[in-house]
């Protein structure tokens, strides 16, 4: 996501995909439901990145069709610090 910061934090970088794509990208067990995946892996990863990298503020968004999650987006709201 850092490579997307070509305008020094003036826009939002977005990583998007289906829940299955995110499971594959993050190496989650196939038997995890989306709820288990989000609770055990995705949320923890986002929280850890937010703690360790000062200028990144990741946020998870979910797209639904009826009650099913069909789209996941991670938005990076850049935190620009004054020097």
C-alpha atoms as a PDB file:
ATOM      1  CA  UNK A   1       0.000   0.000   0.000  1.00  0.00           C
ATOM      2  CA  UNK A   2       2.907   2.314   0.585  1.00  0.00           C
ATOM      3  CA  UNK A   3       3.721   2.264  -3.138  1.00  0.00           C
ATOM      4  CA  UNK A   4       0.319   3.847  -3.796  1.00  0.00           C
ATOM      5  CA  UNK A   5       1.294   6.987  -1.881  1.00  0.00           C
ATOM      6  CA  UNK A   6       2.498   8.943  -4.902  1.00  0.00           C
ATOM      7  CA  UNK A   7       0.753  12.147  -3.837  1.00  0.00           C
ATOM      8  CA  UNK A   8       2.065  12.252  -0.239  1.00  0.00           C
ATOM      9  CA  UNK A   9      -1.126  11.208   1.544  1.00  0.00           C
ATOM     10  CA  UNK A  10      -3.683  13.279  -0.362  1.00  0.00           C
ATOM     11  CA  UNK A  11      -5.662  10.271  -1.574  1.00  0.00           C
ATOM     12  CA  UNK A  12      -6.759   6.933  -0.116  1.00  0.00           C
ATOM     13  CA  UNK A  13      -5.163   3.653  -1.196  1.00  0.00           C
ATOM     14  CA  UNK A  14      -7.681   0.791  -1.431  1.00  0.00           C
ATOM     15  CA  UNK A  15      -7.032  -2.949  -1.515  1.00  0.00           C
ATOM     16  CA  UNK A  16     -10.165  -4.834  -2.544  1.00  0.00           C
ATOM     17  CA  UNK A  17     -11.175  -8.403  -3.210  1.00  0.00           C
ATOM     18  CA  UNK A  18     -13.586 -11.153  -2.315  1.00  0.00           C
ATOM     19  CA  UNK A  19     -13.408 -12.855   1.086  1.00  0.00           C
ATOM     20  CA  UNK A  20     -11.929 -15.937  -0.627  1.00  0.00           C
ATOM     21  CA  UNK A  21      -9.206 -13.840  -2.258  1.00  0.00           C
ATOM     22  CA  UNK A  22      -8.278 -12.303   1.105  1.00  0.00           C
ATOM     23  CA  UNK A  23      -8.175 -15.782   2.701  1.00  0.00           C
ATOM     24  CA  UNK A  24      -5.804 -16.931  -0.041  1.00  0.00           C
ATOM     25  CA  UNK A  25      -3.591 -13.807   0.136  1.00  0.00           C
ATOM     26  CA  UNK A  26      -3.223 -14.113   3.920  1.00  0.00           C
ATOM     27  CA  UNK A  27      -2.885 -17.899   4.006  1.00  0.00           C
ATOM     28  CA  UNK A  28      -5.947 -18.592   6.160  1.00  0.00           C
ATOM     29  CA  UNK A  29      -7.239 -22.142   6.594  1.00  0.00           C
ATOM     30  CA  UNK A  30      -9.878 -23.010   3.997  1.00  0.00           C
ATOM     31  CA  UNK A  31     -12.298 -24.247   6.654  1.00  0.00           C
ATOM     32  CA  UNK A  32     -12.553 -20.791   8.255  1.00  0.00           C
ATOM     33  CA  UNK A  33     -15.850 -19.019   7.767  1.00  0.00           C
ATOM     34  CA  UNK A  34     -15.574 -15.332   6.919  1.00  0.00           C
ATOM     35  CA  UNK A  35     -16.420 -14.445  10.528  1.00  0.00           C
ATOM     36  CA  UNK A  36     -13.609 -16.635  11.876  1.00  0.00           C
ATOM     37  CA  UNK A  37     -11.193 -15.265   9.275  1.00  0.00           C
ATOM     38  CA  UNK A  38     -12.064 -11.672  10.100  1.00  0.00           C
ATOM     39  CA  UNK A  39     -11.838 -12.188  13.865  1.00  0.00           C
ATOM     40  CA  UNK A  40      -8.692 -14.350  13.957  1.00  0.00           C
ATOM     41  CA  UNK A  41      -6.614 -12.983  11.086  1.00  0.00           C
ATOM     42  CA  UNK A  42      -7.823  -9.894   9.232  1.00  0.00           C
ATOM     43  CA  UNK A  43      -8.671  -7.644  12.182  1.00  0.00           C
ATOM     44  CA  UNK A  44      -5.508  -8.631  14.064  1.00  0.00           C
ATOM     45  CA  UNK A  45      -3.331  -7.946  11.014  1.00  0.00           C
ATOM     46  CA  UNK A  46      -4.882  -4.506  10.459  1.00  0.00           C
ATOM     47  CA  UNK A  47      -4.511  -3.615  14.152  1.00  0.00           C
ATOM     48  CA  UNK A  48      -0.862  -4.691  14.170  1.00  0.00           C
ATOM     49  CA  UNK A  49      -0.063  -2.650  11.061  1.00  0.00           C
ATOM     50  CA  UNK A  50      -1.813   0.392  12.533  1.00  0.00           C
ATOM     51  CA  UNK A  51       0.267   0.066  15.719  1.00  0.00           C
ATOM     52  CA  UNK A  52       3.636  -0.455  14.037  1.00  0.00           C
ATOM     53  CA  UNK A  53       3.487   1.925  11.062  1.00  0.00           C
ATOM     54  CA  UNK A  54       2.877   5.534  12.071  1.00  0.00           C
ATOM     55  CA  UNK A  55       1.737   7.013   8.757  1.00  0.00           C
ATOM     56  CA  UNK A  56      -0.765   4.263   7.863  1.00  0.00           C
ATOM     57  CA  UNK A  57      -4.299   4.048   9.256  1.00  0.00           C
ATOM     58  CA  UNK A  58      -5.995   0.970   7.786  1.00  0.00           C
ATOM     59  CA  UNK A  59      -9.741   0.486   7.948  1.00  0.00           C
ATOM     60  CA  UNK A  60     -11.823  -2.555   6.886  1.00  0.00           C
ATOM     61  CA  UNK A  61     -14.994  -2.109   4.817  1.00  0.00           C
ATOM     62  CA  UNK A  62     -17.337  -4.906   3.750  1.00  0.00           C
ATOM     63  CA  UNK A  63     -19.761  -5.095   0.864  1.00  0.00           C
ATOM     64  CA  UNK A  64     -22.839  -7.235   1.381  1.00  0.00           C
ATOM     65  CA  UNK A  65     -25.372  -8.925  -0.843  1.00  0.00           C
ATOM     66  CA  UNK A  66     -28.324  -9.597   1.450  1.00  0.00           C
ATOM     67  CA  UNK A  67     -26.519 -10.897   4.565  1.00  0.00           C
ATOM     68  CA  UNK A  68     -23.507 -12.405   2.797  1.00  0.00           C
ATOM     69  CA  UNK A  69     -20.164 -10.553   2.649  1.00  0.00           C
ATOM     70  CA  UNK A  70     -19.181 -10.478  -1.030  1.00  0.00           C
ATOM     71  CA  UNK A  71     -16.549  -7.715  -1.089  1.00  0.00           C
ATOM     72  CA  UNK A  72     -13.819  -6.691   1.345  1.00  0.00           C
ATOM     73  CA  UNK A  73     -11.898  -3.437   1.087  1.00  0.00           C
ATOM     74  CA  UNK A  74      -9.001  -2.191   3.167  1.00  0.00           C
ATOM     75  CA  UNK A  75      -8.670   1.580   2.967  1.00  0.00           C
ATOM     76  CA  UNK A  76      -5.442   3.304   3.946  1.00  0.00           C
ATOM     77  CA  UNK A  77      -6.186   6.762   5.272  1.00  0.00           C
ATOM     78  CA  UNK A  78      -2.665   8.215   5.273  1.00  0.00           C
ATOM     79  CA  UNK A  79      -1.676  10.033   8.431  1.00  0.00           C
ATOM     80  CA  UNK A  80       0.587  12.905   7.420  1.00  0.00           C
ATOM     81  CA  UNK A  81       2.794  14.175  10.210  1.00  0.00           C
ATOM     82  CA  UNK A  82       4.127  17.727  10.222  1.00  0.00           C
ATOM     83  CA  UNK A  83       7.890  18.036  10.327  1.00  0.00           C
END
